[in-house]
């Protein structure tokens, strides 16, 4: 890898979410969730460009149009083969390093992404160099998720993965093969955190995110995940709004 690799953040989005269709264009604090998400990604200092990977379906035309209006590059591919979509986006935008995020995370923290990217880049001097780093979603609130990996590893996965869940979820082909890909230690908080949930999969998630964004904006546009924790500590009843929503598990 070059001394100055091109780092491309690719976010996936589509309108046909099974639990809350159209969620990425639903509004909170005066803007679509997708606009909040993309705007926060742009604040990450170690990312060279942000790309939206959506599908070729006509139903996702509004998603692509919003991203383009915001000046975000768009790549469109197969709805079910998300791995192939990511590989196509990485190629189209000249990525050496890929940061994978999902558009249902409107509170995603750019500083935390930078921490993961920084750890990944530091691992390039190791022998062998690092292939993959992630944010520990078991210890941080859900909704801050990000993974960083090499374009080489992504291309190998796209060529070889055949299991349906490895095509749909992009990175299982990598982290299920530690004997082949060098996995770096995940980014973890320095102390235990409550099990907050800040991603949007169901109406209760949306209700919480709307309340949080309305409280945080516009006065704290550069808020971080710690500000979100402080907000919920001051309003403990809010975290109960989506307490019953279960996260789908992938081994």
C-alpha atoms as a PDB file:
ATOM      1  CA  UNK A   1       0.000   0.000   0.000  1.00  0.00           C
ATOM      2  CA  UNK A   2       1.234   3.490  -0.815  1.00  0.00           C
ATOM      3  CA  UNK A   3       2.374   5.927   1.863  1.00  0.00           C
ATOM      4  CA  UNK A   4      -0.764   7.996   1.199  1.00  0.00           C
ATOM      5  CA  UNK A   5      -3.575   5.542   0.395  1.00  0.00           C
ATOM      6  CA  UNK A   6      -6.868   6.865  -0.909  1.00  0.00           C
ATOM      7  CA  UNK A   7      -9.476   6.285   1.803  1.00  0.00           C
ATOM      8  CA  UNK A   8     -13.062   6.036   0.560  1.00  0.00           C
ATOM      9  CA  UNK A   9     -16.014   5.837   2.925  1.00  0.00           C
ATOM     10  CA  UNK A  10     -18.858   3.856   1.349  1.00  0.00           C
ATOM     11  CA  UNK A  11     -22.306   3.946   2.898  1.00  0.00           C
ATOM     12  CA  UNK A  12     -25.062   1.596   1.785  1.00  0.00           C
ATOM     13  CA  UNK A  13     -28.689   2.683   1.532  1.00  0.00           C
ATOM     14  CA  UNK A  14     -31.914   1.547  -0.081  1.00  0.00           C
ATOM     15  CA  UNK A  15     -35.600   2.359   0.200  1.00  0.00           C
ATOM     16  CA  UNK A  16     -36.830  -1.226   0.589  1.00  0.00           C
ATOM     17  CA  UNK A  17     -35.769  -1.910   4.164  1.00  0.00           C
ATOM     18  CA  UNK A  18     -37.829  -4.855   5.437  1.00  0.00           C
ATOM     19  CA  UNK A  19     -38.684  -3.390   8.858  1.00  0.00           C
ATOM     20  CA  UNK A  20     -39.080   0.327   8.059  1.00  0.00           C
ATOM     21  CA  UNK A  21     -39.302   0.942   4.285  1.00  0.00           C
ATOM     22  CA  UNK A  22     -38.109   4.362   3.170  1.00  0.00           C
ATOM     23  CA  UNK A  23     -36.459   5.099   6.500  1.00  0.00           C
ATOM     24  CA  UNK A  24     -33.368   6.822   5.056  1.00  0.00           C
ATOM     25  CA  UNK A  25     -35.525   9.611   3.610  1.00  0.00           C
ATOM     26  CA  UNK A  26     -37.687  10.069   6.710  1.00  0.00           C
ATOM     27  CA  UNK A  27     -37.093  13.439   8.340  1.00  0.00           C
ATOM     28  CA  UNK A  28     -35.706  14.463  11.692  1.00  0.00           C
ATOM     29  CA  UNK A  29     -34.832  18.001  12.776  1.00  0.00           C
ATOM     30  CA  UNK A  30     -35.794  19.347   9.355  1.00  0.00           C
ATOM     31  CA  UNK A  31     -33.737  17.035   7.132  1.00  0.00           C
ATOM     32  CA  UNK A  32     -33.801  13.424   5.875  1.00  0.00           C
ATOM     33  CA  UNK A  33     -31.924  10.924   8.010  1.00  0.00           C
ATOM     34  CA  UNK A  34     -29.647  10.277   5.035  1.00  0.00           C
ATOM     35  CA  UNK A  35     -28.659  13.946   4.883  1.00  0.00           C
ATOM     36  CA  UNK A  36     -27.719  13.908   8.579  1.00  0.00           C
ATOM     37  CA  UNK A  37     -25.714  10.720   8.064  1.00  0.00           C
ATOM     38  CA  UNK A  38     -23.793  11.939   5.006  1.00  0.00           C
ATOM     39  CA  UNK A  39     -23.117  15.332   6.546  1.00  0.00           C
ATOM     40  CA  UNK A  40     -21.562  13.722   9.588  1.00  0.00           C
ATOM     41  CA  UNK A  41     -19.389  11.427   7.465  1.00  0.00           C
ATOM     42  CA  UNK A  42     -17.999  14.473   5.705  1.00  0.00           C
ATOM     43  CA  UNK A  43     -16.626  15.712   9.019  1.00  0.00           C
ATOM     44  CA  UNK A  44     -14.223  12.771   9.272  1.00  0.00           C
ATOM     45  CA  UNK A  45     -10.737  14.175   8.675  1.00  0.00           C
ATOM     46  CA  UNK A  46      -9.041  10.975   7.496  1.00  0.00           C
ATOM     47  CA  UNK A  47     -11.545  10.181   4.735  1.00  0.00           C
ATOM     48  CA  UNK A  48     -10.747  11.391   1.214  1.00  0.00           C
ATOM     49  CA  UNK A  49     -14.258  11.033  -0.163  1.00  0.00           C
ATOM     50  CA  UNK A  50     -17.712   9.752   0.787  1.00  0.00           C
ATOM     51  CA  UNK A  51     -19.709   7.561  -1.599  1.00  0.00           C
ATOM     52  CA  UNK A  52     -23.275   6.283  -1.424  1.00  0.00           C
ATOM     53  CA  UNK A  53     -23.774   2.731  -2.707  1.00  0.00           C
ATOM     54  CA  UNK A  54     -27.406   2.146  -3.563  1.00  0.00           C
ATOM     55  CA  UNK A  55     -29.248  -0.171  -5.937  1.00  0.00           C
ATOM     56  CA  UNK A  56     -30.159   0.033  -9.592  1.00  0.00           C
ATOM     57  CA  UNK A  57     -33.860  -0.183  -8.669  1.00  0.00           C
ATOM     58  CA  UNK A  58     -36.079   2.730  -9.647  1.00  0.00           C
ATOM     59  CA  UNK A  59     -37.314   2.847  -6.055  1.00  0.00           C
ATOM     60  CA  UNK A  60     -33.843   4.062  -5.061  1.00  0.00           C
ATOM     61  CA  UNK A  61     -33.752   6.951  -7.533  1.00  0.00           C
ATOM     62  CA  UNK A  62     -34.720   9.413  -4.737  1.00  0.00           C
ATOM     63  CA  UNK A  63     -31.840   8.135  -2.590  1.00  0.00           C
ATOM     64  CA  UNK A  64     -29.330   8.660  -5.402  1.00  0.00           C
ATOM     65  CA  UNK A  65     -30.794  12.072  -6.244  1.00  0.00           C
ATOM     66  CA  UNK A  66     -30.512  13.297  -2.652  1.00  0.00           C
ATOM     67  CA  UNK A  67     -26.887  12.197  -2.410  1.00  0.00           C
ATOM     68  CA  UNK A  68     -26.046  13.884  -5.704  1.00  0.00           C
ATOM     69  CA  UNK A  69     -27.720  17.116  -4.583  1.00  0.00           C
ATOM     70  CA  UNK A  70     -25.494  17.021  -1.511  1.00  0.00           C
ATOM     71  CA  UNK A  71     -22.402  16.568  -3.680  1.00  0.00           C
ATOM     72  CA  UNK A  72     -21.875  12.928  -2.721  1.00  0.00           C
ATOM     73  CA  UNK A  73     -20.673  10.405  -5.293  1.00  0.00           C
ATOM     74  CA  UNK A  74     -23.101   7.590  -6.078  1.00  0.00           C
ATOM     75  CA  UNK A  75     -22.571   4.011  -7.221  1.00  0.00           C
ATOM     76  CA  UNK A  76     -25.517   1.792  -8.100  1.00  0.00           C
ATOM     77  CA  UNK A  77     -25.483  -1.993  -8.140  1.00  0.00           C
ATOM     78  CA  UNK A  78     -27.385  -5.165  -7.342  1.00  0.00           C
ATOM     79  CA  UNK A  79     -29.797  -4.982  -4.399  1.00  0.00           C
ATOM     80  CA  UNK A  80     -28.983  -8.399  -2.932  1.00  0.00           C
ATOM     81  CA  UNK A  81     -25.260  -8.577  -3.753  1.00  0.00           C
ATOM     82  CA  UNK A  82     -24.111  -5.809  -1.434  1.00  0.00           C
ATOM     83  CA  UNK A  83     -20.556  -7.172  -1.448  1.00  0.00           C
ATOM     84  CA  UNK A  84     -20.414  -6.804  -5.223  1.00  0.00           C
ATOM     85  CA  UNK A  85     -21.887  -3.309  -4.894  1.00  0.00           C
ATOM     86  CA  UNK A  86     -19.148  -2.284  -2.471  1.00  0.00           C
ATOM     87  CA  UNK A  87     -16.424  -3.734  -4.669  1.00  0.00           C
ATOM     88  CA  UNK A  88     -17.846  -1.842  -7.653  1.00  0.00           C
ATOM     89  CA  UNK A  89     -18.000   1.415  -5.689  1.00  0.00           C
ATOM     90  CA  UNK A  90     -14.443   0.969  -4.423  1.00  0.00           C
ATOM     91  CA  UNK A  91     -13.197   0.440  -7.968  1.00  0.00           C
ATOM     92  CA  UNK A  92     -15.211   3.317  -9.423  1.00  0.00           C
ATOM     93  CA  UNK A  93     -13.871   5.785  -6.844  1.00  0.00           C
ATOM     94  CA  UNK A  94     -10.282   4.553  -6.740  1.00  0.00           C
ATOM     95  CA  UNK A  95     -10.205   3.310  -3.158  1.00  0.00           C
ATOM     96  CA  UNK A  96      -7.077   1.829  -1.594  1.00  0.00           C
ATOM     97  CA  UNK A  97      -8.782   1.618   1.796  1.00  0.00           C
ATOM     98  CA  UNK A  98     -12.540   1.263   2.343  1.00  0.00           C
ATOM     99  CA  UNK A  99     -14.533   2.468   5.322  1.00  0.00           C
ATOM    100  CA  UNK A 100     -17.878   0.675   5.404  1.00  0.00           C
ATOM    101  CA  UNK A 101     -20.868   2.254   7.139  1.00  0.00           C
ATOM    102  CA  UNK A 102     -24.633   1.974   6.790  1.00  0.00           C
ATOM    103  CA  UNK A 103     -27.056   4.827   6.210  1.00  0.00           C
ATOM    104  CA  UNK A 104     -29.374   3.848   9.062  1.00  0.00           C
ATOM    105  CA  UNK A 105     -26.881   5.452  11.489  1.00  0.00           C
ATOM    106  CA  UNK A 106     -27.677   9.197  11.519  1.00  0.00           C
ATOM    107  CA  UNK A 107     -25.684   9.823  14.724  1.00  0.00           C
ATOM    108  CA  UNK A 108     -22.491   8.188  13.452  1.00  0.00           C
ATOM    109  CA  UNK A 109     -19.423   9.876  14.917  1.00  0.00           C
ATOM    110  CA  UNK A 110     -16.745  11.154  12.498  1.00  0.00           C
ATOM    111  CA  UNK A 111     -14.131  11.336  15.257  1.00  0.00           C
ATOM    112  CA  UNK A 112     -14.697   7.667  16.060  1.00  0.00           C
ATOM    113  CA  UNK A 113     -14.330   6.810  12.382  1.00  0.00           C
ATOM    114  CA  UNK A 114     -11.053   8.728  12.344  1.00  0.00           C
ATOM    115  CA  UNK A 115      -9.892   6.720  15.352  1.00  0.00           C
ATOM    116  CA  UNK A 116     -10.616   3.454  13.507  1.00  0.00           C
ATOM    117  CA  UNK A 117      -8.901   4.679  10.328  1.00  0.00           C
ATOM    118  CA  UNK A 118      -5.910   5.884  12.330  1.00  0.00           C
ATOM    119  CA  UNK A 119      -5.568   2.494  13.999  1.00  0.00           C
ATOM    120  CA  UNK A 120      -5.817   0.778  10.627  1.00  0.00           C
ATOM    121  CA  UNK A 121      -3.138   3.013   9.059  1.00  0.00           C
ATOM    122  CA  UNK A 122      -0.812   2.467  12.004  1.00  0.00           C
ATOM    123  CA  UNK A 123      -1.217  -1.262  11.443  1.00  0.00           C
ATOM    124  CA  UNK A 124       0.149  -0.993   7.919  1.00  0.00           C
ATOM    125  CA  UNK A 125       3.686  -0.964   9.322  1.00  0.00           C
ATOM    126  CA  UNK A 126       3.151  -4.337  11.006  1.00  0.00           C
ATOM    127  CA  UNK A 127       4.294  -7.636   9.524  1.00  0.00           C
ATOM    128  CA  UNK A 128       2.013  -8.719   8.018  1.00  0.00           C
ATOM    129  CA  UNK A 129       0.111  -5.441   7.622  1.00  0.00           C
ATOM    130  CA  UNK A 130      -3.399  -5.109   9.009  1.00  0.00           C
ATOM    131  CA  UNK A 131      -6.345  -6.026   6.743  1.00  0.00           C
ATOM    132  CA  UNK A 132      -9.357  -5.125   8.884  1.00  0.00           C
ATOM    133  CA  UNK A 133     -10.339  -2.997  11.892  1.00  0.00           C
ATOM    134  CA  UNK A 134     -13.793  -2.269  13.255  1.00  0.00           C
ATOM    135  CA  UNK A 135     -15.573  -0.321  15.964  1.00  0.00           C
ATOM    136  CA  UNK A 136     -16.660  -2.723  18.699  1.00  0.00           C
ATOM    137  CA  UNK A 137     -20.456  -2.665  18.391  1.00  0.00           C
ATOM    138  CA  UNK A 138     -20.755  -4.829  21.476  1.00  0.00           C
ATOM    139  CA  UNK A 139     -19.277  -2.101  23.685  1.00  0.00           C
ATOM    140  CA  UNK A 140     -20.304   1.109  21.910  1.00  0.00           C
ATOM    141  CA  UNK A 141     -23.943   2.073  21.345  1.00  0.00           C
ATOM    142  CA  UNK A 142     -25.359   0.581  18.155  1.00  0.00           C
ATOM    143  CA  UNK A 143     -25.440   3.200  15.432  1.00  0.00           C
ATOM    144  CA  UNK A 144     -21.745   4.088  15.547  1.00  0.00           C
ATOM    145  CA  UNK A 145     -20.759   1.072  13.444  1.00  0.00           C
ATOM    146  CA  UNK A 146     -17.841   1.317  11.013  1.00  0.00           C
ATOM    147  CA  UNK A 147     -15.360  -1.122   9.495  1.00  0.00           C
ATOM    148  CA  UNK A 148     -12.054  -0.326   7.777  1.00  0.00           C
ATOM    149  CA  UNK A 149     -10.343  -2.735   5.403  1.00  0.00           C
ATOM    150  CA  UNK A 150      -8.070  -2.925   2.390  1.00  0.00           C
ATOM    151  CA  UNK A 151      -9.340  -2.761  -1.158  1.00  0.00           C
ATOM    152  CA  UNK A 152      -7.321  -5.912  -1.823  1.00  0.00           C
ATOM    153  CA  UNK A 153      -9.244  -7.844   0.839  1.00  0.00           C
ATOM    154  CA  UNK A 154     -12.567  -6.508  -0.467  1.00  0.00           C
ATOM    155  CA  UNK A 155     -11.745  -7.576  -4.013  1.00  0.00           C
ATOM    156  CA  UNK A 156     -10.747 -11.054  -2.853  1.00  0.00           C
ATOM    157  CA  UNK A 157     -14.021 -11.386  -0.971  1.00  0.00           C
ATOM    158  CA  UNK A 158     -16.020 -10.205  -3.992  1.00  0.00           C
ATOM    159  CA  UNK A 159     -14.322 -12.791  -6.215  1.00  0.00           C
ATOM    160  CA  UNK A 160     -14.584 -15.743  -3.852  1.00  0.00           C
ATOM    161  CA  UNK A 161     -17.543 -15.369  -1.480  1.00  0.00           C
ATOM    162  CA  UNK A 162     -20.505 -17.590  -2.309  1.00  0.00           C
ATOM    163  CA  UNK A 163     -22.488 -17.824   0.944  1.00  0.00           C
ATOM    164  CA  UNK A 164     -25.597 -15.613   0.732  1.00  0.00           C
ATOM    165  CA  UNK A 165     -24.890 -13.858   4.038  1.00  0.00           C
ATOM    166  CA  UNK A 166     -21.331 -13.089   2.926  1.00  0.00           C
ATOM    167  CA  UNK A 167     -22.653 -11.445  -0.234  1.00  0.00           C
ATOM    168  CA  UNK A 168     -25.333  -9.510   1.661  1.00  0.00           C
ATOM    169  CA  UNK A 169     -23.270  -8.270   4.626  1.00  0.00           C
ATOM    170  CA  UNK A 170     -19.928  -7.476   2.882  1.00  0.00           C
ATOM    171  CA  UNK A 171     -17.372  -8.248   5.586  1.00  0.00           C
ATOM    172  CA  UNK A 172     -18.111 -11.714   7.093  1.00  0.00           C
ATOM    173  CA  UNK A 173     -15.823 -13.248   4.449  1.00  0.00           C
ATOM    174  CA  UNK A 174     -12.981 -11.250   6.034  1.00  0.00           C
ATOM    175  CA  UNK A 175     -13.527 -11.568   9.766  1.00  0.00           C
ATOM    176  CA  UNK A 176     -14.494 -15.254   9.568  1.00  0.00           C
ATOM    177  CA  UNK A 177     -11.023 -16.026   8.147  1.00  0.00           C
ATOM    178  CA  UNK A 178      -8.471 -14.702  10.665  1.00  0.00           C
ATOM    179  CA  UNK A 179      -5.943 -17.222   9.378  1.00  0.00           C
ATOM    180  CA  UNK A 180      -6.048 -15.446   6.016  1.00  0.00           C
ATOM    181  CA  UNK A 181      -6.781 -11.804   6.853  1.00  0.00           C
ATOM    182  CA  UNK A 182      -5.025  -9.978   9.682  1.00  0.00           C
ATOM    183  CA  UNK A 183      -7.694  -8.560  11.991  1.00  0.00           C
ATOM    184  CA  UNK A 184      -6.697  -5.624  14.135  1.00  0.00           C
ATOM    185  CA  UNK A 185      -8.016  -5.073  17.679  1.00  0.00           C
ATOM    186  CA  UNK A 186     -11.381  -3.295  17.566  1.00  0.00           C
ATOM    187  CA  UNK A 187     -11.800   0.270  18.747  1.00  0.00           C
ATOM    188  CA  UNK A 188     -13.376   0.097  22.214  1.00  0.00           C
ATOM    189  CA  UNK A 189     -14.570   2.673  24.751  1.00  0.00           C
ATOM    190  CA  UNK A 190     -12.355   3.313  27.764  1.00  0.00           C
ATOM    191  CA  UNK A 191     -15.121   2.434  30.204  1.00  0.00           C
ATOM    192  CA  UNK A 192     -18.384   0.438  30.103  1.00  0.00           C
ATOM    193  CA  UNK A 193     -21.310   2.193  28.434  1.00  0.00           C
ATOM    194  CA  UNK A 194     -25.082   1.718  28.651  1.00  0.00           C
ATOM    195  CA  UNK A 195     -26.628  -0.407  25.911  1.00  0.00           C
ATOM    196  CA  UNK A 196     -28.006   2.518  23.922  1.00  0.00           C
ATOM    197  CA  UNK A 197     -29.387   1.942  20.440  1.00  0.00           C
ATOM    198  CA  UNK A 198     -28.987   4.777  17.877  1.00  0.00           C
ATOM    199  CA  UNK A 199     -29.521   3.008  14.557  1.00  0.00           C
ATOM    200  CA  UNK A 200     -32.908   3.159  12.818  1.00  0.00           C
ATOM    201  CA  UNK A 201     -34.646  -0.119  12.007  1.00  0.00           C
ATOM    202  CA  UNK A 202     -38.122   0.361  13.448  1.00  0.00           C
ATOM    203  CA  UNK A 203     -40.528   3.233  14.244  1.00  0.00           C
ATOM    204  CA  UNK A 204     -39.420   3.384  17.891  1.00  0.00           C
ATOM    205  CA  UNK A 205     -35.822   3.895  16.755  1.00  0.00           C
ATOM    206  CA  UNK A 206     -36.963   6.763  14.554  1.00  0.00           C
ATOM    207  CA  UNK A 207     -38.889   8.343  17.433  1.00  0.00           C
ATOM    208  CA  UNK A 208     -35.769   8.359  19.617  1.00  0.00           C
ATOM    209  CA  UNK A 209     -33.470   9.702  16.896  1.00  0.00           C
ATOM    210  CA  UNK A 210     -35.905  12.508  16.097  1.00  0.00           C
ATOM    211  CA  UNK A 211     -35.990  13.542  19.724  1.00  0.00           C
ATOM    212  CA  UNK A 212     -32.196  13.443  20.034  1.00  0.00           C
ATOM    213  CA  UNK A 213     -31.481  15.381  16.833  1.00  0.00           C
ATOM    214  CA  UNK A 214     -34.037  18.027  17.709  1.00  0.00           C
ATOM    215  CA  UNK A 215     -32.292  18.480  21.066  1.00  0.00           C
ATOM    216  CA  UNK A 216     -28.763  18.520  19.642  1.00  0.00           C
ATOM    217  CA  UNK A 217     -29.313  20.683  16.553  1.00  0.00           C
ATOM    218  CA  UNK A 218     -28.647  23.285  15.384  1.00  0.00           C
ATOM    219  CA  UNK A 219     -26.584  24.432  18.350  1.00  0.00           C
ATOM    220  CA  UNK A 220     -24.194  21.465  18.391  1.00  0.00           C
ATOM    221  CA  UNK A 221     -23.772  20.465  14.751  1.00  0.00           C
ATOM    222  CA  UNK A 222     -20.400  18.880  15.540  1.00  0.00           C
ATOM    223  CA  UNK A 223     -21.731  16.732  18.398  1.00  0.00           C
ATOM    224  CA  UNK A 224     -20.049  13.430  19.170  1.00  0.00           C
ATOM    225  CA  UNK A 225     -21.162  10.168  20.702  1.00  0.00           C
ATOM    226  CA  UNK A 226     -20.262  11.433  24.179  1.00  0.00           C
ATOM    227  CA  UNK A 227     -22.719  14.327  23.715  1.00  0.00           C
ATOM    228  CA  UNK A 228     -25.402  11.779  22.836  1.00  0.00           C
ATOM    229  CA  UNK A 229     -24.659   9.850  26.031  1.00  0.00           C
ATOM    230  CA  UNK A 230     -24.839  13.051  28.070  1.00  0.00           C
ATOM    231  CA  UNK A 231     -28.189  13.901  26.488  1.00  0.00           C
ATOM    232  CA  UNK A 232     -29.662  10.511  27.397  1.00  0.00           C
ATOM    233  CA  UNK A 233     -28.223  10.679  30.906  1.00  0.00           C
ATOM    234  CA  UNK A 234     -30.123  13.953  31.328  1.00  0.00           C
ATOM    235  CA  UNK A 235     -33.279  12.388  29.867  1.00  0.00           C
ATOM    236  CA  UNK A 236     -33.234   8.750  31.031  1.00  0.00           C
ATOM    237  CA  UNK A 237     -36.795   8.058  29.881  1.00  0.00           C
ATOM    238  CA  UNK A 238     -35.752   8.618  26.257  1.00  0.00           C
ATOM    239  CA  UNK A 239     -33.597   5.498  26.120  1.00  0.00           C
ATOM    240  CA  UNK A 240     -36.686   3.452  26.955  1.00  0.00           C
ATOM    241  CA  UNK A 241     -38.403   4.532  23.724  1.00  0.00           C
ATOM    242  CA  UNK A 242     -36.673   1.843  21.645  1.00  0.00           C
ATOM    243  CA  UNK A 243     -35.559  -0.498  24.417  1.00  0.00           C
ATOM    244  CA  UNK A 244     -37.716  -3.284  22.989  1.00  0.00           C
ATOM    245  CA  UNK A 245     -36.177  -3.234  19.499  1.00  0.00           C
ATOM    246  CA  UNK A 246     -33.962  -6.263  18.925  1.00  0.00           C
ATOM    247  CA  UNK A 247     -30.804  -6.075  16.828  1.00  0.00           C
ATOM    248  CA  UNK A 248     -30.585  -8.715  14.136  1.00  0.00           C
ATOM    249  CA  UNK A 249     -27.556 -10.894  14.779  1.00  0.00           C
ATOM    250  CA  UNK A 250     -24.962 -12.069  12.294  1.00  0.00           C
ATOM    251  CA  UNK A 251     -22.221 -14.418  13.405  1.00  0.00           C
END
